[in-house]
Amino acid sequence: MYELSKSKIFRGKREFSAVYHQGRSYANGRMVLYVMRAGDLEGRVGFAAGKKLGGAVIRNRVKRLLREAYRLTQHEIDSEYAIILVGRKKLIDAKADEAIKAFRDLCARAKILS
């Protein structure tokens, strides 16, 4: 099975800020994808869900869906990119397969699939 190691996940504000400000964004109804080709951050990923989505339980569910979509698709993505996935309102009621489809759609638009 595919695994998402903790060393690949962004932790600090500095890492998130670099991708937010220097990367390109692609969006659909369920999520926003920020992509940056980066030397020191390549192959890393971050997940975010803002407080506008709801309480902690809802935000954690959205982040779980984002992590699962990335985990199952990571082998198809070029490893030279740093990625941030941000959940939107429509992802709250979505199933895992809908999140995966939305993520693959954004990856195709960003041309980061290998």
PDB file of N, CA and C in Angstrom:
ATOM      1  N   MET A   1       0.839  -1.191   0.000  1.00  0.00           N
ATOM      2  CA  MET A   1       0.000   0.000   0.000  1.00  0.00           C
ATOM      3  C   MET A   1       0.873   1.240   0.000  1.00  0.00           C
ATOM      4  N   TYR A   2       0.278   2.337  -0.351  1.00  0.00           N
ATOM      5  CA  TYR A   2       1.001   3.599  -0.392  1.00  0.00           C
ATOM      6  C   TYR A   2       1.040   4.211   0.991  1.00  0.00           C
ATOM      7  N   GLU A   3       2.166   4.829   1.296  1.00  0.00           N
ATOM      8  CA  GLU A   3       2.374   5.385   2.619  1.00  0.00           C
ATOM      9  C   GLU A   3       2.750   6.853   2.497  1.00  0.00           C
ATOM     10  N   LEU A   4       2.314   7.650   3.447  1.00  0.00           N
ATOM     11  CA  LEU A   4       2.658   9.063   3.501  1.00  0.00           C
ATOM     12  C   LEU A   4       3.457   9.286   4.774  1.00  0.00           C
ATOM     13  N   SER A   5       4.770   9.434   4.622  1.00  0.00           N
ATOM     14  CA  SER A   5       5.618   9.587   5.800  1.00  0.00           C
ATOM     15  C   SER A   5       5.530  11.008   6.356  1.00  0.00           C
ATOM     16  N   LYS A   6       5.713  11.137   7.643  1.00  0.00           N
ATOM     17  CA  LYS A   6       5.626  12.437   8.302  1.00  0.00           C
ATOM     18  C   LYS A   6       6.720  13.388   7.844  1.00  0.00           C
ATOM     19  N   SER A   7       7.828  12.866   7.361  1.00  0.00           N
ATOM     20  CA  SER A   7       8.931  13.719   6.917  1.00  0.00           C
ATOM     21  C   SER A   7       8.583  14.455   5.614  1.00  0.00           C
ATOM     22  N   LYS A   8       7.560  13.997   4.898  1.00  0.00           N
ATOM     23  CA  LYS A   8       7.144  14.647   3.649  1.00  0.00           C
ATOM     24  C   LYS A   8       6.121  15.760   3.873  1.00  0.00           C
ATOM     25  N   ILE A   9       5.603  15.904   5.100  1.00  0.00           N
ATOM     26  CA  ILE A   9       4.538  16.868   5.370  1.00  0.00           C
ATOM     27  C   ILE A   9       5.124  18.159   5.924  1.00  0.00           C
ATOM     28  N   PHE A  10       4.657  19.302   5.394  1.00  0.00           N
ATOM     29  CA  PHE A  10       5.081  20.609   5.897  1.00  0.00           C
ATOM     30  C   PHE A  10       4.689  20.750   7.353  1.00  0.00           C
ATOM     31  N   ARG A  11       5.516  21.404   8.129  1.00  0.00           N
ATOM     32  CA  ARG A  11       5.204  21.632   9.529  1.00  0.00           C
ATOM     33  C   ARG A  11       5.197  23.122   9.873  1.00  0.00           C
ATOM     34  N   GLY A  12       6.169  23.859   9.375  1.00  0.00           N
ATOM     35  CA  GLY A  12       6.313  25.248   9.797  1.00  0.00           C
ATOM     36  C   GLY A  12       5.629  26.256   8.900  1.00  0.00           C
ATOM     37  N   LYS A  13       5.388  27.431   9.456  1.00  0.00           N
ATOM     38  CA  LYS A  13       4.755  28.514   8.720  1.00  0.00           C
ATOM     39  C   LYS A  13       5.621  28.971   7.546  1.00  0.00           C
ATOM     40  N   ARG A  14       6.939  28.920   7.728  1.00  0.00           N
ATOM     41  CA  ARG A  14       7.851  29.361   6.673  1.00  0.00           C
ATOM     42  C   ARG A  14       7.700  28.514   5.414  1.00  0.00           C
ATOM     43  N   GLU A  15       7.534  27.209   5.574  1.00  0.00           N
ATOM     44  CA  GLU A  15       7.376  26.319   4.422  1.00  0.00           C
ATOM     45  C   GLU A  15       6.065  26.596   3.694  1.00  0.00           C
ATOM     46  N   PHE A  16       4.982  26.780   4.455  1.00  0.00           N
ATOM     47  CA  PHE A  16       3.687  27.087   3.852  1.00  0.00           C
ATOM     48  C   PHE A  16       3.757  28.425   3.118  1.00  0.00           C
ATOM     49  N   SER A  17       4.342  29.427   3.749  1.00  0.00           N
ATOM     50  CA  SER A  17       4.405  30.768   3.159  1.00  0.00           C
ATOM     51  C   SER A  17       5.161  30.767   1.844  1.00  0.00           C
ATOM     52  N   ALA A  18       6.244  30.018   1.770  1.00  0.00           N
ATOM     53  CA  ALA A  18       7.036  29.972   0.535  1.00  0.00           C
ATOM     54  C   ALA A  18       6.196  29.472  -0.632  1.00  0.00           C
ATOM     55  N   VAL A  19       5.445  28.408  -0.403  1.00  0.00           N
ATOM     56  CA  VAL A  19       4.631  27.842  -1.492  1.00  0.00           C
ATOM     57  C   VAL A  19       3.442  28.748  -1.807  1.00  0.00           C
ATOM     58  N   TYR A  20       2.806  29.315  -0.772  1.00  0.00           N
ATOM     59  CA  TYR A  20       1.680  30.219  -1.000  1.00  0.00           C
ATOM     60  C   TYR A  20       2.091  31.411  -1.865  1.00  0.00           C
ATOM     61  N   HIS A  21       3.218  32.014  -1.554  1.00  0.00           N
ATOM     62  CA  HIS A  21       3.607  33.262  -2.203  1.00  0.00           C
ATOM     63  C   HIS A  21       4.345  33.068  -3.523  1.00  0.00           C
ATOM     64  N   GLN A  22       5.105  31.987  -3.660  1.00  0.00           N
ATOM     65  CA  GLN A  22       5.896  31.802  -4.874  1.00  0.00           C
ATOM     66  C   GLN A  22       5.290  30.799  -5.847  1.00  0.00           C
ATOM     67  N   GLY A  23       4.320  30.020  -5.394  1.00  0.00           N
ATOM     68  CA  GLY A  23       3.742  28.982  -6.241  1.00  0.00           C
ATOM     69  C   GLY A  23       2.544  29.470  -7.040  1.00  0.00           C
ATOM     70  N   ARG A  24       2.046  28.600  -7.899  1.00  0.00           N
ATOM     71  CA  ARG A  24       0.828  28.865  -8.675  1.00  0.00           C
ATOM     72  C   ARG A  24      -0.318  28.134  -8.018  1.00  0.00           C
ATOM     73  N   SER A  25      -1.525  28.667  -8.194  1.00  0.00           N
ATOM     74  CA  SER A  25      -2.689  28.024  -7.598  1.00  0.00           C
ATOM     75  C   SER A  25      -3.654  27.562  -8.675  1.00  0.00           C
ATOM     76  N   TYR A  26      -4.302  26.460  -8.389  1.00  0.00           N
ATOM     77  CA  TYR A  26      -5.333  25.878  -9.244  1.00  0.00           C
ATOM     78  C   TYR A  26      -6.484  25.503  -8.321  1.00  0.00           C
ATOM     79  N   ALA A  27      -7.707  25.770  -8.758  1.00  0.00           N
ATOM     80  CA  ALA A  27      -8.842  25.542  -7.866  1.00  0.00           C
ATOM     81  C   ALA A  27      -9.998  24.889  -8.607  1.00  0.00           C
ATOM     82  N   ASN A  28     -10.778  24.136  -7.858  1.00  0.00           N
ATOM     83  CA  ASN A  28     -12.073  23.661  -8.311  1.00  0.00           C
ATOM     84  C   ASN A  28     -13.027  23.808  -7.132  1.00  0.00           C
ATOM     85  N   GLY A  29     -14.205  23.271  -7.207  1.00  0.00           N
ATOM     86  CA  GLY A  29     -15.194  23.471  -6.159  1.00  0.00           C
ATOM     87  C   GLY A  29     -14.844  22.848  -4.824  1.00  0.00           C
ATOM     88  N   ARG A  30     -14.004  21.821  -4.821  1.00  0.00           N
ATOM     89  CA  ARG A  30     -13.723  21.088  -3.592  1.00  0.00           C
ATOM     90  C   ARG A  30     -12.409  21.455  -2.909  1.00  0.00           C
ATOM     91  N   MET A  31     -11.418  21.902  -3.680  1.00  0.00           N
ATOM     92  CA  MET A  31     -10.116  22.204  -3.077  1.00  0.00           C
ATOM     93  C   MET A  31      -9.313  23.170  -3.933  1.00  0.00           C
ATOM     94  N   VAL A  32      -8.255  23.696  -3.318  1.00  0.00           N
ATOM     95  CA  VAL A  32      -7.301  24.563  -3.999  1.00  0.00           C
ATOM     96  C   VAL A  32      -5.947  23.880  -3.908  1.00  0.00           C
ATOM     97  N   LEU A  33      -5.205  23.877  -5.023  1.00  0.00           N
ATOM     98  CA  LEU A  33      -3.887  23.266  -5.091  1.00  0.00           C
ATOM     99  C   LEU A  33      -2.863  24.354  -5.354  1.00  0.00           C
ATOM    100  N   TYR A  34      -1.886  24.483  -4.469  1.00  0.00           N
ATOM    101  CA  TYR A  34      -0.756  25.383  -4.676  1.00  0.00           C
ATOM    102  C   TYR A  34       0.438  24.526  -5.043  1.00  0.00           C
ATOM    103  N   VAL A  35       1.123  24.899  -6.130  1.00  0.00           N
ATOM    104  CA  VAL A  35       2.234  24.106  -6.636  1.00  0.00           C
ATOM    105  C   VAL A  35       3.443  25.016  -6.854  1.00  0.00           C
ATOM    106  N   MET A  36       4.610  24.534  -6.417  1.00  0.00           N
ATOM    107  CA  MET A  36       5.846  25.276  -6.634  1.00  0.00           C
ATOM    108  C   MET A  36       6.967  24.282  -6.905  1.00  0.00           C
ATOM    109  N   ARG A  37       7.742  24.572  -7.927  1.00  0.00           N
ATOM    110  CA  ARG A  37       8.933  23.756  -8.176  1.00  0.00           C
ATOM    111  C   ARG A  37      10.006  24.293  -7.239  1.00  0.00           C
ATOM    112  N   ALA A  38      10.472  23.446  -6.341  1.00  0.00           N
ATOM    113  CA  ALA A  38      11.364  23.931  -5.292  1.00  0.00           C
ATOM    114  C   ALA A  38      12.510  22.965  -5.066  1.00  0.00           C
ATOM    115  N   GLY A  39      13.693  23.514  -4.844  1.00  0.00           N
ATOM    116  CA  GLY A  39      14.864  22.680  -4.590  1.00  0.00           C
ATOM    117  C   GLY A  39      14.855  22.074  -3.205  1.00  0.00           C
ATOM    118  N   ASP A  40      14.722  22.916  -2.182  1.00  0.00           N
ATOM    119  CA  ASP A  40      14.807  22.409  -0.812  1.00  0.00           C
ATOM    120  C   ASP A  40      13.493  21.827  -0.303  1.00  0.00           C
ATOM    121  N   LEU A  41      12.383  22.174  -0.936  1.00  0.00           N
ATOM    122  CA  LEU A  41      11.075  21.678  -0.498  1.00  0.00           C
ATOM    123  C   LEU A  41      10.495  20.598  -1.403  1.00  0.00           C
ATOM    124  N   GLU A  42      11.243  20.166  -2.399  1.00  0.00           N
ATOM    125  CA  GLU A  42      10.661  19.253  -3.378  1.00  0.00           C
ATOM    126  C   GLU A  42      10.225  17.935  -2.747  1.00  0.00           C
ATOM    127  N   GLY A  43       9.091  17.463  -3.227  1.00  0.00           N
ATOM    128  CA  GLY A  43       8.529  16.219  -2.723  1.00  0.00           C
ATOM    129  C   GLY A  43       7.777  16.369  -1.414  1.00  0.00           C
ATOM    130  N   ARG A  44       7.596  17.599  -0.949  1.00  0.00           N
ATOM    131  CA  ARG A  44       6.915  17.826   0.324  1.00  0.00           C
ATOM    132  C   ARG A  44       5.487  18.294   0.049  1.00  0.00           C
ATOM    133  N   VAL A  45       4.623  18.128   1.031  1.00  0.00           N
ATOM    134  CA  VAL A  45       3.215  18.456   0.865  1.00  0.00           C
ATOM    135  C   VAL A  45       2.665  19.034   2.168  1.00  0.00           C
ATOM    136  N   GLY A  46       1.690  19.930   2.024  1.00  0.00           N
ATOM    137  CA  GLY A  46       1.024  20.501   3.189  1.00  0.00           C
ATOM    138  C   GLY A  46      -0.481  20.443   3.007  1.00  0.00           C
ATOM    139  N   PHE A  47      -1.208  20.377   4.111  1.00  0.00           N
ATOM    140  CA  PHE A  47      -2.665  20.280   4.078  1.00  0.00           C
ATOM    141  C   PHE A  47      -3.233  21.363   4.975  1.00  0.00           C
ATOM    142  N   ALA A  48      -4.290  22.048   4.484  1.00  0.00           N
ATOM    143  CA  ALA A  48      -4.867  23.139   5.266  1.00  0.00           C
ATOM    144  C   ALA A  48      -6.387  23.130   5.140  1.00  0.00           C
ATOM    145  N   ALA A  49      -7.027  23.552   6.221  1.00  0.00           N
ATOM    146  CA  ALA A  49      -8.475  23.729   6.253  1.00  0.00           C
ATOM    147  C   ALA A  49      -8.745  24.918   7.166  1.00  0.00           C
ATOM    148  N   GLY A  50      -9.268  25.985   6.594  1.00  0.00           N
ATOM    149  CA  GLY A  50      -9.487  27.210   7.356  1.00  0.00           C
ATOM    150  C   GLY A  50     -10.660  27.130   8.310  1.00  0.00           C
ATOM    151  N   LYS A  51     -10.707  28.079   9.219  1.00  0.00           N
ATOM    152  CA  LYS A  51     -11.767  28.095  10.229  1.00  0.00           C
ATOM    153  C   LYS A  51     -13.144  28.403   9.650  1.00  0.00           C
ATOM    154  N   LYS A  52     -13.191  28.925   8.426  1.00  0.00           N
ATOM    155  CA  LYS A  52     -14.483  29.184   7.781  1.00  0.00           C
ATOM    156  C   LYS A  52     -15.250  27.892   7.507  1.00  0.00           C
ATOM    157  N   LEU A  53     -14.536  26.782   7.461  1.00  0.00           N
ATOM    158  CA  LEU A  53     -15.186  25.503   7.171  1.00  0.00           C
ATOM    159  C   LEU A  53     -16.038  25.009   8.331  1.00  0.00           C
ATOM    160  N   GLY A  54     -15.652  25.352   9.528  1.00  0.00           N
ATOM    161  CA  GLY A  54     -16.418  24.900  10.696  1.00  0.00           C
ATOM    162  C   GLY A  54     -15.502  24.606  11.860  1.00  0.00           C
ATOM    163  N   GLY A  55     -16.007  23.806  12.777  1.00  0.00           N
ATOM    164  CA  GLY A  55     -15.264  23.467  13.978  1.00  0.00           C
ATOM    165  C   GLY A  55     -14.118  22.505  13.715  1.00  0.00           C
ATOM    166  N   ALA A  56     -13.431  22.139  14.776  1.00  0.00           N
ATOM    167  CA  ALA A  56     -12.245  21.304  14.664  1.00  0.00           C
ATOM    168  C   ALA A  56     -12.551  19.930  14.066  1.00  0.00           C
ATOM    169  N   VAL A  57     -13.684  19.364  14.406  1.00  0.00           N
ATOM    170  CA  VAL A  57     -14.035  18.044  13.890  1.00  0.00           C
ATOM    171  C   VAL A  57     -14.174  18.084  12.365  1.00  0.00           C
ATOM    172  N   ILE A  58     -14.838  19.097  11.858  1.00  0.00           N
ATOM    173  CA  ILE A  58     -15.032  19.245  10.408  1.00  0.00           C
ATOM    174  C   ILE A  58     -13.705  19.518   9.719  1.00  0.00           C
ATOM    175  N   ARG A  59     -12.894  20.424  10.286  1.00  0.00           N
ATOM    176  CA  ARG A  59     -11.597  20.747   9.676  1.00  0.00           C
ATOM    177  C   ARG A  59     -10.689  19.524   9.643  1.00  0.00           C
ATOM    178  N   ASN A  60     -10.709  18.729  10.706  1.00  0.00           N
ATOM    179  CA  ASN A  60      -9.882  17.518  10.722  1.00  0.00           C
ATOM    180  C   ASN A  60     -10.358  16.502   9.697  1.00  0.00           C
ATOM    181  N   ARG A  61     -11.666  16.381   9.502  1.00  0.00           N
ATOM    182  CA  ARG A  61     -12.190  15.471   8.478  1.00  0.00           C
ATOM    183  C   ARG A  61     -11.753  15.913   7.085  1.00  0.00           C
ATOM    184  N   VAL A  62     -11.815  17.217   6.827  1.00  0.00           N
ATOM    185  CA  VAL A  62     -11.386  17.747   5.532  1.00  0.00           C
ATOM    186  C   VAL A  62      -9.904  17.451   5.309  1.00  0.00           C
ATOM    187  N   LYS A  63      -9.084  17.654   6.328  1.00  0.00           N
ATOM    188  CA  LYS A  63      -7.653  17.370   6.184  1.00  0.00           C
ATOM    189  C   LYS A  63      -7.397  15.873   5.997  1.00  0.00           C
ATOM    190  N   ARG A  64      -8.189  15.020   6.644  1.00  0.00           N
ATOM    191  CA  ARG A  64      -8.054  13.576   6.421  1.00  0.00           C
ATOM    192  C   ARG A  64      -8.363  13.221   4.973  1.00  0.00           C
ATOM    193  N   LEU A  65      -9.413  13.832   4.412  1.00  0.00           N
ATOM    194  CA  LEU A  65      -9.754  13.587   3.005  1.00  0.00           C
ATOM    195  C   LEU A  65      -8.633  14.058   2.076  1.00  0.00           C
ATOM    196  N   LEU A  66      -8.063  15.217   2.377  1.00  0.00           N
ATOM    197  CA  LEU A  66      -6.971  15.738   1.564  1.00  0.00           C
ATOM    198  C   LEU A  66      -5.751  14.823   1.635  1.00  0.00           C
ATOM    199  N   ARG A  67      -5.416  14.359   2.836  1.00  0.00           N
ATOM    200  CA  ARG A  67      -4.273  13.455   2.993  1.00  0.00           C
ATOM    201  C   ARG A  67      -4.493  12.142   2.254  1.00  0.00           C
ATOM    202  N   GLU A  68      -5.708  11.621   2.333  1.00  0.00           N
ATOM    203  CA  GLU A  68      -6.011  10.359   1.659  1.00  0.00           C
ATOM    204  C   GLU A  68      -5.940  10.516   0.143  1.00  0.00           C
ATOM    205  N   ALA A  69      -6.469  11.620  -0.380  1.00  0.00           N
ATOM    206  CA  ALA A  69      -6.397  11.872  -1.819  1.00  0.00           C
ATOM    207  C   ALA A  69      -4.947  11.959  -2.272  1.00  0.00           C
ATOM    208  N   TYR A  70      -4.119  12.646  -1.497  1.00  0.00           N
ATOM    209  CA  TYR A  70      -2.699  12.747  -1.853  1.00  0.00           C
ATOM    210  C   TYR A  70      -2.006  11.397  -1.725  1.00  0.00           C
ATOM    211  N   ARG A  71      -2.266  10.693  -0.639  1.00  0.00           N
ATOM    212  CA  ARG A  71      -1.592   9.417  -0.382  1.00  0.00           C
ATOM    213  C   ARG A  71      -1.815   8.421  -1.516  1.00  0.00           C
ATOM    214  N   LEU A  72      -3.043   8.364  -2.019  1.00  0.00           N
ATOM    215  CA  LEU A  72      -3.359   7.398  -3.073  1.00  0.00           C
ATOM    216  C   LEU A  72      -2.902   7.849  -4.454  1.00  0.00           C
ATOM    217  N   THR A  73      -2.528   9.108  -4.591  1.00  0.00           N
ATOM    218  CA  THR A  73      -2.149   9.655  -5.893  1.00  0.00           C
ATOM    219  C   THR A  73      -0.670  10.031  -5.949  1.00  0.00           C
ATOM    220  N   GLN A  74       0.045  10.003  -4.840  1.00  0.00           N
ATOM    221  CA  GLN A  74       1.405  10.518  -4.778  1.00  0.00           C
ATOM    222  C   GLN A  74       2.368   9.833  -5.739  1.00  0.00           C
ATOM    223  N   HIS A  75       2.141   8.574  -6.060  1.00  0.00           N
ATOM    224  CA  HIS A  75       3.031   7.866  -6.974  1.00  0.00           C
ATOM    225  C   HIS A  75       2.905   8.368  -8.408  1.00  0.00           C
ATOM    226  N   GLU A  76       1.843   9.106  -8.723  1.00  0.00           N
ATOM    227  CA  GLU A  76       1.625   9.636 -10.067  1.00  0.00           C
ATOM    228  C   GLU A  76       2.159  11.057 -10.231  1.00  0.00           C
ATOM    229  N   ILE A  77       2.609  11.693  -9.146  1.00  0.00           N
ATOM    230  CA  ILE A  77       3.017  13.096  -9.166  1.00  0.00           C
ATOM    231  C   ILE A  77       4.529  13.202  -9.258  1.00  0.00           C
ATOM    232  N   ASP A  78       5.023  14.133 -10.089  1.00  0.00           N
ATOM    233  CA  ASP A  78       6.459  14.396 -10.161  1.00  0.00           C
ATOM    234  C   ASP A  78       6.963  14.820  -8.791  1.00  0.00           C
ATOM    235  N   SER A  79       8.097  14.297  -8.383  1.00  0.00           N
ATOM    236  CA  SER A  79       8.599  14.558  -7.035  1.00  0.00           C
ATOM    237  C   SER A  79       9.366  15.874  -6.916  1.00  0.00           C
ATOM    238  N   GLU A  80       9.462  16.637  -7.987  1.00  0.00           N
ATOM    239  CA  GLU A  80      10.215  17.892  -7.923  1.00  0.00           C
ATOM    240  C   GLU A  80       9.352  19.082  -7.495  1.00  0.00           C
ATOM    241  N   TYR A  81       8.123  18.833  -7.109  1.00  0.00           N
ATOM    242  CA  TYR A  81       7.207  19.903  -6.735  1.00  0.00           C
ATOM    243  C   TYR A  81       6.885  19.876  -5.247  1.00  0.00           C
ATOM    244  N   ALA A  82       6.664  21.072  -4.691  1.00  0.00           N
ATOM    245  CA  ALA A  82       6.120  21.220  -3.348  1.00  0.00           C
ATOM    246  C   ALA A  82       4.643  21.570  -3.533  1.00  0.00           C
ATOM    247  N   ILE A  83       3.775  20.961  -2.737  1.00  0.00           N
ATOM    248  CA  ILE A  83       2.328  21.076  -2.934  1.00  0.00           C
ATOM    249  C   ILE A  83       1.651  21.436  -1.620  1.00  0.00           C
ATOM    250  N   ILE A  84       0.636  22.312  -1.711  1.00  0.00           N
ATOM    251  CA  ILE A  84      -0.261  22.556  -0.588  1.00  0.00           C
ATOM    252  C   ILE A  84      -1.679  22.323  -1.076  1.00  0.00           C
ATOM    253  N   LEU A  85      -2.450  21.569  -0.307  1.00  0.00           N
ATOM    254  CA  LEU A  85      -3.858  21.324  -0.599  1.00  0.00           C
ATOM    255  C   LEU A  85      -4.702  22.030   0.458  1.00  0.00           C
ATOM    256  N   VAL A  86      -5.654  22.837  -0.006  1.00  0.00           N
ATOM    257  CA  VAL A  86      -6.538  23.568   0.896  1.00  0.00           C
ATOM    258  C   VAL A  86      -7.972  23.129   0.613  1.00  0.00           C
ATOM    259  N   GLY A  87      -8.664  22.700   1.647  1.00  0.00           N
ATOM    260  CA  GLY A  87     -10.041  22.244   1.497  1.00  0.00           C
ATOM    261  C   GLY A  87     -11.026  23.396   1.395  1.00  0.00           C
ATOM    262  N   ARG A  88     -12.110  23.167   0.654  1.00  0.00           N
ATOM    263  CA  ARG A  88     -13.200  24.126   0.515  1.00  0.00           C
ATOM    264  C   ARG A  88     -14.485  23.531   1.080  1.00  0.00           C
ATOM    265  N   LYS A  89     -15.540  24.353   1.160  1.00  0.00           N
ATOM    266  CA  LYS A  89     -16.819  23.945   1.765  1.00  0.00           C
ATOM    267  C   LYS A  89     -17.395  22.670   1.155  1.00  0.00           C
ATOM    268  N   LYS A  90     -17.327  22.530  -0.164  1.00  0.00           N
ATOM    269  CA  LYS A  90     -17.931  21.366  -0.819  1.00  0.00           C
ATOM    270  C   LYS A  90     -17.240  20.054  -0.456  1.00  0.00           C
ATOM    271  N   LEU A  91     -16.042  20.128   0.101  1.00  0.00           N
ATOM    272  CA  LEU A  91     -15.332  18.915   0.487  1.00  0.00           C
ATOM    273  C   LEU A  91     -15.865  18.343   1.795  1.00  0.00           C
ATOM    274  N   ILE A  92     -16.582  19.147   2.559  1.00  0.00           N
ATOM    275  CA  ILE A  92     -17.095  18.700   3.859  1.00  0.00           C
ATOM    276  C   ILE A  92     -18.000  17.477   3.707  1.00  0.00           C
ATOM    277  N   ASP A  93     -18.890  17.496   2.739  1.00  0.00           N
ATOM    278  CA  ASP A  93     -19.845  16.399   2.548  1.00  0.00           C
ATOM    279  C   ASP A  93     -19.395  15.384   1.506  1.00  0.00           C
ATOM    280  N   ALA A  94     -18.182  15.516   0.990  1.00  0.00           N
ATOM    281  CA  ALA A  94     -17.703  14.645  -0.080  1.00  0.00           C
ATOM    282  C   ALA A  94     -17.211  13.312   0.469  1.00  0.00           C
ATOM    283  N   LYS A  95     -17.241  12.318  -0.371  1.00  0.00           N
ATOM    284  CA  LYS A  95     -16.671  11.018  -0.078  1.00  0.00           C
ATOM    285  C   LYS A  95     -15.212  11.003  -0.535  1.00  0.00           C
ATOM    286  N   ALA A  96     -14.469   9.998  -0.128  1.00  0.00           N
ATOM    287  CA  ALA A  96     -13.046   9.920  -0.455  1.00  0.00           C
ATOM    288  C   ALA A  96     -12.811   9.851  -1.964  1.00  0.00           C
ATOM    289  N   ASP A  97     -13.633   9.080  -2.683  1.00  0.00           N
ATOM    290  CA  ASP A  97     -13.423   8.964  -4.132  1.00  0.00           C
ATOM    291  C   ASP A  97     -13.669  10.286  -4.854  1.00  0.00           C
ATOM    292  N   GLU A  98     -14.579  11.113  -4.340  1.00  0.00           N
ATOM    293  CA  GLU A  98     -14.811  12.436  -4.930  1.00  0.00           C
ATOM    294  C   GLU A  98     -13.616  13.350  -4.678  1.00  0.00           C
ATOM    295  N   ALA A  99     -13.011  13.243  -3.507  1.00  0.00           N
ATOM    296  CA  ALA A  99     -11.829  14.039  -3.195  1.00  0.00           C
ATOM    297  C   ALA A  99     -10.653  13.630  -4.080  1.00  0.00           C
ATOM    298  N   ILE A 100     -10.502  12.335  -4.300  1.00  0.00           N
ATOM    299  CA  ILE A 100      -9.418  11.840  -5.156  1.00  0.00           C
ATOM    300  C   ILE A 100      -9.606  12.321  -6.585  1.00  0.00           C
ATOM    301  N   LYS A 101     -10.837  12.268  -7.073  1.00  0.00           N
ATOM    302  CA  LYS A 101     -11.126  12.724  -8.436  1.00  0.00           C
ATOM    303  C   LYS A 101     -10.839  14.221  -8.570  1.00  0.00           C
ATOM    304  N   ALA A 102     -11.238  15.010  -7.589  1.00  0.00           N
ATOM    305  CA  ALA A 102     -10.987  16.454  -7.624  1.00  0.00           C
ATOM    306  C   ALA A 102      -9.492  16.747  -7.581  1.00  0.00           C
ATOM    307  N   PHE A 103      -8.742  15.984  -6.773  1.00  0.00           N
ATOM    308  CA  PHE A 103      -7.296  16.187  -6.685  1.00  0.00           C
ATOM    309  C   PHE A 103      -6.606  15.824  -7.991  1.00  0.00           C
ATOM    310  N   ARG A 104      -6.985  14.697  -8.587  1.00  0.00           N
ATOM    311  CA  ARG A 104      -6.385  14.305  -9.873  1.00  0.00           C
ATOM    312  C   ARG A 104      -6.688  15.323 -10.958  1.00  0.00           C
ATOM    313  N   ASP A 105      -7.892  15.881 -10.939  1.00  0.00           N
ATOM    314  CA  ASP A 105      -8.260  16.917 -11.901  1.00  0.00           C
ATOM    315  C   ASP A 105      -7.342  18.131 -11.776  1.00  0.00           C
ATOM    316  N   LEU A 106      -7.098  18.562 -10.540  1.00  0.00           N
ATOM    317  CA  LEU A 106      -6.220  19.709 -10.316  1.00  0.00           C
ATOM    318  C   LEU A 106      -4.772  19.397 -10.713  1.00  0.00           C
ATOM    319  N   CYS A 107      -4.316  18.184 -10.443  1.00  0.00           N
ATOM    320  CA  CYS A 107      -2.962  17.800 -10.824  1.00  0.00           C
ATOM    321  C   CYS A 107      -2.792  17.793 -12.342  1.00  0.00           C
ATOM    322  N   ALA A 108      -3.820  17.341 -13.033  1.00  0.00           N
ATOM    323  CA  ALA A 108      -3.785  17.338 -14.493  1.00  0.00           C
ATOM    324  C   ALA A 108      -3.735  18.759 -15.040  1.00  0.00           C
ATOM    325  N   ARG A 109      -4.527  19.648 -14.441  1.00  0.00           N
ATOM    326  CA  ARG A 109      -4.513  21.055 -14.871  1.00  0.00           C
ATOM    327  C   ARG A 109      -3.179  21.723 -14.579  1.00  0.00           C
ATOM    328  N   ALA A 110      -2.543  21.347 -13.473  1.00  0.00           N
ATOM    329  CA  ALA A 110      -1.243  21.912 -13.106  1.00  0.00           C
ATOM    330  C   ALA A 110      -0.092  21.252 -13.852  1.00  0.00           C
ATOM    331  N   LYS A 111      -0.380  20.154 -14.569  1.00  0.00           N
ATOM    332  CA  LYS A 111       0.617  19.396 -15.341  1.00  0.00           C
ATOM    333  C   LYS A 111       1.747  18.900 -14.461  1.00  0.00           C
ATOM    334  N   ILE A 112       1.384  18.317 -13.309  1.00  0.00           N
ATOM    335  CA  ILE A 112       2.413  17.763 -12.422  1.00  0.00           C
ATOM    336  C   ILE A 112       2.351  16.245 -12.361  1.00  0.00           C
ATOM    337  N   LEU A 113       1.478  15.633 -13.146  1.00  0.00           N
ATOM    338  CA  LEU A 113       1.396  14.181 -13.185  1.00  0.00           C
ATOM    339  C   LEU A 113       2.531  13.643 -14.041  1.00  0.00           C
ATOM    340  N   SER A 114       3.155  12.556 -13.590  1.00  0.00           N
ATOM    341  CA  SER A 114       4.272  11.994 -14.357  1.00  0.00           C
ATOM    342  C   SER A 114       3.780  11.042 -15.425  1.00  0.00           C
TER     343      SER A 114
END
